[in-house]
């Protein structure tokens, strides 16, 4: 009976490892996989270590949660967008735009000044 349990456990572990590797190969970040599976990111990281999976960490500084890279923010700033309008257009929070602006030294138009001039 113990032997059957160990066989089942080994099969279960192999199925989990196969499924997790498929998520990694499909381009999911660990954060996205955690949301999909209803787990937290540290659980996913522990599984990656446990099953020795090839799943590189995607840094959020280079690519944000919605897939926008710093170049997207720079292009909008150069086009004369404010942080508020950039946030609305990209579907991210104002603080995300503010963070990217500080991190990458991006200068946005001050939306308040623009509104005063338009009036």
N, C-alpha and C. Protein backbone atom coordinates (compact mmCIF):
# COMPACT_ATOMS: atom_id res chain seq x y z
N UNK A 1 0.80 -1.18 0.00
CA UNK A 1 0.00 0.00 0.00
C UNK A 1 0.86 1.27 0.00
N UNK A 2 1.93 1.25 0.76
CA UNK A 2 2.85 2.40 0.79
C UNK A 2 3.49 2.58 -0.57
N UNK A 3 3.80 1.48 -1.21
CA UNK A 3 4.43 1.54 -2.53
C UNK A 3 3.48 2.19 -3.55
N UNK A 4 2.19 1.85 -3.48
CA UNK A 4 1.21 2.46 -4.36
C UNK A 4 1.13 3.97 -4.15
N UNK A 5 1.17 4.38 -2.87
CA UNK A 5 1.14 5.80 -2.56
C UNK A 5 2.33 6.51 -3.19
N UNK A 6 3.51 5.94 -3.07
CA UNK A 6 4.72 6.57 -3.63
C UNK A 6 4.64 6.64 -5.16
N UNK A 7 4.07 5.64 -5.78
CA UNK A 7 3.89 5.67 -7.24
C UNK A 7 2.91 6.78 -7.64
N UNK A 8 1.80 6.86 -6.90
CA UNK A 8 0.82 7.91 -7.17
C UNK A 8 1.43 9.30 -6.97
N UNK A 9 2.18 9.45 -5.91
CA UNK A 9 2.80 10.74 -5.61
C UNK A 9 3.79 11.12 -6.71
N UNK A 10 4.58 10.16 -7.17
CA UNK A 10 5.55 10.41 -8.24
C UNK A 10 4.84 10.81 -9.53
N UNK A 11 3.74 10.12 -9.85
CA UNK A 11 2.98 10.45 -11.04
C UNK A 11 2.36 11.85 -10.93
N UNK A 12 1.83 12.15 -9.76
CA UNK A 12 1.24 13.46 -9.51
C UNK A 12 2.29 14.57 -9.66
N UNK A 13 3.45 14.37 -9.06
CA UNK A 13 4.53 15.35 -9.17
C UNK A 13 4.95 15.55 -10.62
N UNK A 14 5.01 14.46 -11.38
CA UNK A 14 5.40 14.56 -12.79
C UNK A 14 4.35 15.35 -13.59
N UNK A 15 3.06 15.11 -13.29
CA UNK A 15 2.00 15.85 -13.98
C UNK A 15 2.06 17.35 -13.66
N UNK A 16 2.30 17.67 -12.40
CA UNK A 16 2.41 19.08 -12.01
C UNK A 16 3.59 19.73 -12.72
N UNK A 17 4.73 19.04 -12.71
CA UNK A 17 5.93 19.59 -13.36
C UNK A 17 5.70 19.80 -14.86
N UNK A 18 5.04 18.87 -15.50
CA UNK A 18 4.75 18.99 -16.94
C UNK A 18 3.83 20.18 -17.20
N UNK A 19 2.79 20.33 -16.40
CA UNK A 19 1.84 21.43 -16.58
C UNK A 19 2.53 22.78 -16.32
N UNK A 20 3.33 22.85 -15.26
CA UNK A 20 4.02 24.09 -14.93
C UNK A 20 4.99 24.48 -16.04
N UNK A 21 5.70 23.50 -16.61
CA UNK A 21 6.64 23.79 -17.68
C UNK A 21 5.90 24.28 -18.92
N UNK A 22 4.70 23.76 -19.17
CA UNK A 22 3.90 24.23 -20.30
C UNK A 22 3.51 25.69 -20.12
N UNK A 23 3.17 26.08 -18.89
CA UNK A 23 2.86 27.49 -18.62
C UNK A 23 4.09 28.37 -18.87
N UNK A 24 5.24 27.90 -18.42
CA UNK A 24 6.48 28.67 -18.61
C UNK A 24 6.80 28.79 -20.10
N UNK A 25 6.65 27.70 -20.83
CA UNK A 25 6.95 27.71 -22.28
C UNK A 25 5.97 28.59 -23.05
N UNK A 26 4.75 28.71 -22.53
CA UNK A 26 3.74 29.53 -23.20
C UNK A 26 3.97 31.03 -22.97
N UNK A 27 4.95 31.36 -22.12
CA UNK A 27 5.29 32.76 -21.90
C UNK A 27 4.63 33.40 -20.70
N UNK A 28 3.97 32.59 -19.87
CA UNK A 28 3.37 33.14 -18.66
C UNK A 28 4.46 33.56 -17.68
N UNK A 29 4.26 34.68 -17.01
CA UNK A 29 5.16 35.04 -15.93
C UNK A 29 4.75 34.23 -14.71
N UNK A 30 5.60 34.19 -13.71
CA UNK A 30 5.24 33.45 -12.50
C UNK A 30 4.04 34.09 -11.82
N UNK A 31 3.95 35.40 -11.89
CA UNK A 31 2.82 36.13 -11.31
C UNK A 31 1.52 35.76 -12.03
N UNK A 32 1.55 35.70 -13.35
CA UNK A 32 0.37 35.33 -14.12
C UNK A 32 -0.05 33.90 -13.81
N UNK A 33 0.93 33.01 -13.70
CA UNK A 33 0.62 31.61 -13.39
C UNK A 33 -0.01 31.50 -12.00
N UNK A 34 0.50 32.27 -11.05
CA UNK A 34 -0.06 32.25 -9.70
C UNK A 34 -1.52 32.70 -9.71
N UNK A 35 -1.81 33.76 -10.47
CA UNK A 35 -3.19 34.23 -10.57
C UNK A 35 -4.08 33.18 -11.22
N UNK A 36 -3.58 32.54 -12.26
CA UNK A 36 -4.34 31.53 -12.98
C UNK A 36 -4.66 30.32 -12.09
N UNK A 37 -3.68 29.93 -11.26
CA UNK A 37 -3.84 28.73 -10.43
C UNK A 37 -4.38 29.02 -9.04
N UNK A 38 -4.59 30.31 -8.73
CA UNK A 38 -5.11 30.66 -7.41
C UNK A 38 -4.10 30.45 -6.30
N UNK A 39 -2.83 30.65 -6.62
CA UNK A 39 -1.76 30.49 -5.64
C UNK A 39 -1.02 31.81 -5.52
N UNK A 40 -0.09 31.90 -4.58
CA UNK A 40 0.73 33.10 -4.53
C UNK A 40 2.04 32.86 -5.27
N UNK A 41 2.73 33.94 -5.58
CA UNK A 41 3.93 33.85 -6.41
C UNK A 41 5.02 33.02 -5.75
N UNK A 42 5.13 33.12 -4.43
CA UNK A 42 6.18 32.34 -3.76
C UNK A 42 5.92 30.83 -3.89
N UNK A 43 4.64 30.43 -3.94
CA UNK A 43 4.33 29.01 -4.15
C UNK A 43 4.80 28.55 -5.52
N UNK A 44 4.60 29.40 -6.52
CA UNK A 44 5.04 29.07 -7.88
C UNK A 44 6.57 28.96 -7.90
N UNK A 45 7.24 29.90 -7.27
CA UNK A 45 8.71 29.87 -7.22
C UNK A 45 9.20 28.61 -6.52
N UNK A 46 8.53 28.21 -5.45
CA UNK A 46 8.91 26.97 -4.74
C UNK A 46 8.73 25.75 -5.64
N UNK A 47 7.64 25.73 -6.43
CA UNK A 47 7.42 24.62 -7.36
C UNK A 47 8.49 24.60 -8.45
N UNK A 48 8.88 25.77 -8.93
CA UNK A 48 9.93 25.85 -9.95
C UNK A 48 11.21 25.23 -9.42
N UNK A 49 11.54 25.54 -8.17
CA UNK A 49 12.75 24.96 -7.56
C UNK A 49 12.59 23.46 -7.31
N UNK A 50 11.43 23.08 -6.77
CA UNK A 50 11.18 21.67 -6.42
C UNK A 50 11.26 20.77 -7.64
N UNK A 51 10.66 21.21 -8.76
CA UNK A 51 10.59 20.38 -9.95
C UNK A 51 11.70 20.72 -10.96
N UNK A 52 12.61 21.61 -10.55
CA UNK A 52 13.77 21.97 -11.39
C UNK A 52 13.32 22.41 -12.79
N UNK A 53 12.38 23.37 -12.84
CA UNK A 53 11.83 23.84 -14.12
C UNK A 53 12.66 24.97 -14.69
N UNK A 54 12.62 25.09 -15.99
CA UNK A 54 13.29 26.20 -16.68
C UNK A 54 12.25 27.32 -16.84
N UNK A 55 12.25 28.26 -15.89
CA UNK A 55 11.27 29.34 -15.90
C UNK A 55 11.95 30.62 -15.45
N UNK A 56 12.52 31.37 -16.41
CA UNK A 56 13.23 32.58 -16.03
C UNK A 56 12.29 33.62 -15.43
N UNK A 57 12.83 34.41 -14.51
CA UNK A 57 12.06 35.47 -13.88
C UNK A 57 11.97 36.65 -14.84
N UNK A 58 10.76 37.17 -15.01
CA UNK A 58 10.58 38.38 -15.82
C UNK A 58 10.55 39.56 -14.87
N UNK A 59 11.43 40.50 -15.08
CA UNK A 59 11.48 41.66 -14.20
C UNK A 59 10.40 42.65 -14.59
N UNK A 60 9.67 43.12 -13.61
CA UNK A 60 8.57 44.05 -13.89
C UNK A 60 9.08 45.42 -14.28
N UNK A 61 10.32 45.74 -13.96
CA UNK A 61 10.85 47.05 -14.33
C UNK A 61 11.03 47.20 -15.83
N UNK A 62 11.33 46.10 -16.51
CA UNK A 62 11.53 46.19 -17.95
C UNK A 62 10.23 46.00 -18.71
N UNK A 63 9.33 45.22 -18.14
CA UNK A 63 8.02 45.03 -18.76
C UNK A 63 6.98 45.00 -17.66
N UNK A 64 6.03 45.87 -17.72
CA UNK A 64 5.02 45.99 -16.68
C UNK A 64 3.98 44.89 -16.73
N UNK A 65 3.06 44.96 -15.82
CA UNK A 65 2.01 43.95 -15.72
C UNK A 65 1.17 43.83 -16.98
N UNK A 66 0.95 44.92 -17.66
CA UNK A 66 0.13 44.88 -18.86
C UNK A 66 0.97 44.76 -20.12
N UNK A 67 2.26 44.48 -19.95
CA UNK A 67 3.11 44.24 -21.11
C UNK A 67 3.71 45.48 -21.73
N UNK A 68 3.57 46.63 -21.09
CA UNK A 68 4.12 47.86 -21.64
C UNK A 68 5.57 48.03 -21.21
N UNK A 69 6.43 48.32 -22.15
CA UNK A 69 7.84 48.56 -21.86
C UNK A 69 8.07 50.06 -21.75
N UNK A 70 9.24 50.43 -21.24
CA UNK A 70 9.56 51.84 -21.03
C UNK A 70 9.41 52.64 -22.33
N UNK A 71 9.69 52.02 -23.46
CA UNK A 71 9.59 52.71 -24.75
C UNK A 71 8.17 53.22 -25.00
N UNK A 72 7.16 52.44 -24.58
CA UNK A 72 5.77 52.88 -24.74
C UNK A 72 5.53 54.19 -23.99
N UNK A 73 6.05 54.26 -22.78
CA UNK A 73 5.88 55.46 -21.97
C UNK A 73 6.65 56.64 -22.58
N UNK A 74 7.87 56.37 -23.04
CA UNK A 74 8.69 57.42 -23.65
C UNK A 74 8.03 57.99 -24.89
N UNK A 75 7.48 57.12 -25.73
CA UNK A 75 6.82 57.57 -26.96
C UNK A 75 5.64 58.49 -26.65
N UNK A 76 4.86 58.12 -25.65
CA UNK A 76 3.70 58.94 -25.30
C UNK A 76 4.13 60.28 -24.68
N UNK A 77 5.20 60.25 -23.90
CA UNK A 77 5.70 61.51 -23.32
C UNK A 77 6.19 62.44 -24.43
N UNK A 78 6.89 61.87 -25.41
CA UNK A 78 7.39 62.68 -26.53
C UNK A 78 6.25 63.22 -27.38
N UNK A 79 5.14 62.49 -27.41
CA UNK A 79 3.97 62.93 -28.19
C UNK A 79 3.17 64.00 -27.45
N UNK A 80 3.59 64.35 -26.22
CA UNK A 80 2.94 65.42 -25.49
C UNK A 80 1.83 64.99 -24.54
N UNK A 81 1.82 63.71 -24.17
CA UNK A 81 0.80 63.23 -23.25
C UNK A 81 1.20 63.53 -21.81
N UNK A 82 0.21 63.74 -20.96
CA UNK A 82 0.45 63.89 -19.52
C UNK A 82 0.47 62.49 -18.90
N UNK A 83 0.87 62.41 -17.65
CA UNK A 83 0.88 61.11 -16.96
C UNK A 83 -0.54 60.55 -16.85
N UNK A 84 -1.49 61.44 -16.57
CA UNK A 84 -2.88 61.01 -16.43
C UNK A 84 -3.42 60.43 -17.73
N UNK A 85 -3.19 61.13 -18.84
CA UNK A 85 -3.68 60.63 -20.13
C UNK A 85 -2.96 59.35 -20.54
N UNK A 86 -1.67 59.26 -20.22
CA UNK A 86 -0.91 58.04 -20.51
C UNK A 86 -1.48 56.86 -19.74
N UNK A 87 -1.79 57.08 -18.46
CA UNK A 87 -2.36 56.02 -17.64
C UNK A 87 -3.69 55.54 -18.21
N UNK A 88 -4.53 56.46 -18.62
CA UNK A 88 -5.84 56.09 -19.19
C UNK A 88 -5.66 55.32 -20.50
N UNK A 89 -4.76 55.80 -21.34
CA UNK A 89 -4.55 55.16 -22.63
C UNK A 89 -4.01 53.74 -22.50
N UNK A 90 -3.05 53.55 -21.59
CA UNK A 90 -2.42 52.23 -21.42
C UNK A 90 -3.21 51.31 -20.49
N UNK A 91 -4.19 51.86 -19.80
CA UNK A 91 -4.99 51.04 -18.89
C UNK A 91 -4.24 50.65 -17.64
N UNK A 92 -3.38 51.55 -17.15
CA UNK A 92 -2.62 51.30 -15.93
C UNK A 92 -2.93 52.40 -14.93
N UNK A 93 -2.51 52.21 -13.70
CA UNK A 93 -2.74 53.20 -12.66
C UNK A 93 -1.77 54.37 -12.84
N UNK A 94 -2.20 55.55 -12.42
CA UNK A 94 -1.35 56.74 -12.50
C UNK A 94 0.00 56.49 -11.82
N UNK A 95 -0.01 55.80 -10.68
CA UNK A 95 1.23 55.54 -9.94
C UNK A 95 2.21 54.69 -10.75
N UNK A 96 1.69 53.83 -11.61
CA UNK A 96 2.56 53.02 -12.47
C UNK A 96 3.29 53.93 -13.46
N UNK A 97 2.57 54.87 -14.04
CA UNK A 97 3.18 55.82 -14.98
C UNK A 97 4.20 56.67 -14.24
N UNK A 98 3.84 57.12 -13.05
CA UNK A 98 4.74 57.94 -12.25
C UNK A 98 6.03 57.17 -11.91
N UNK A 99 5.88 55.89 -11.54
CA UNK A 99 7.02 55.04 -11.23
C UNK A 99 7.95 54.88 -12.44
N UNK A 100 7.34 54.58 -13.59
CA UNK A 100 8.15 54.41 -14.82
C UNK A 100 8.85 55.72 -15.21
N UNK A 101 8.15 56.84 -15.00
CA UNK A 101 8.74 58.14 -15.32
C UNK A 101 9.97 58.40 -14.45
N UNK A 102 9.87 58.10 -13.17
CA UNK A 102 11.01 58.32 -12.26
C UNK A 102 12.13 57.34 -12.57
N UNK A 103 11.78 56.09 -12.78
CA UNK A 103 12.79 55.05 -13.00
C UNK A 103 13.59 55.29 -14.27
N UNK A 104 12.90 55.73 -15.33
CA UNK A 104 13.55 55.89 -16.64
C UNK A 104 13.78 57.36 -17.01
N UNK A 105 13.55 58.24 -16.03
CA UNK A 105 13.76 59.69 -16.23
C UNK A 105 13.00 60.21 -17.45
N UNK A 106 11.72 59.87 -17.49
CA UNK A 106 10.85 60.30 -18.59
C UNK A 106 10.13 61.58 -18.16
N UNK A 107 10.17 62.58 -19.02
CA UNK A 107 9.51 63.86 -18.73
C UNK A 107 8.17 63.91 -19.45
N UNK A 108 7.09 63.97 -18.69
CA UNK A 108 5.75 64.10 -19.25
C UNK A 108 5.31 65.55 -19.19
N UNK A 109 4.37 65.90 -20.04
CA UNK A 109 3.76 67.23 -20.00
C UNK A 109 2.94 67.33 -18.73
N UNK A 110 2.99 68.48 -18.07
CA UNK A 110 2.17 68.70 -16.89
C UNK A 110 0.74 68.94 -17.35
N UNK A 111 -0.14 67.98 -17.11
CA UNK A 111 -1.52 68.08 -17.56
C UNK A 111 -2.26 69.28 -16.99
N UNK A 112 -1.88 69.72 -15.79
CA UNK A 112 -2.55 70.86 -15.18
C UNK A 112 -2.26 72.14 -15.96
N UNK A 113 -1.01 72.32 -16.41
CA UNK A 113 -0.65 73.51 -17.18
C UNK A 113 -1.38 73.52 -18.51
N UNK A 114 -1.48 72.36 -19.14
CA UNK A 114 -2.12 72.24 -20.44
C UNK A 114 -3.61 72.62 -20.34
N UNK A 115 -4.26 72.17 -19.25
CA UNK A 115 -5.68 72.47 -19.05
C UNK A 115 -5.88 73.96 -18.85
N UNK A 116 -4.97 74.64 -18.14
CA UNK A 116 -5.10 76.07 -17.90
C UNK A 116 -4.95 76.85 -19.21
N UNK A 117 -4.02 76.41 -20.05
CA UNK A 117 -3.80 77.08 -21.33
C UNK A 117 -4.95 76.88 -22.30
N UNK A 118 -5.61 75.71 -22.19
CA UNK A 118 -6.74 75.41 -23.09
C UNK A 118 -7.98 76.22 -22.74
N UNK A 119 -8.08 76.67 -21.50
CA UNK A 119 -9.29 77.39 -21.04
C UNK A 119 -9.39 78.79 -21.55
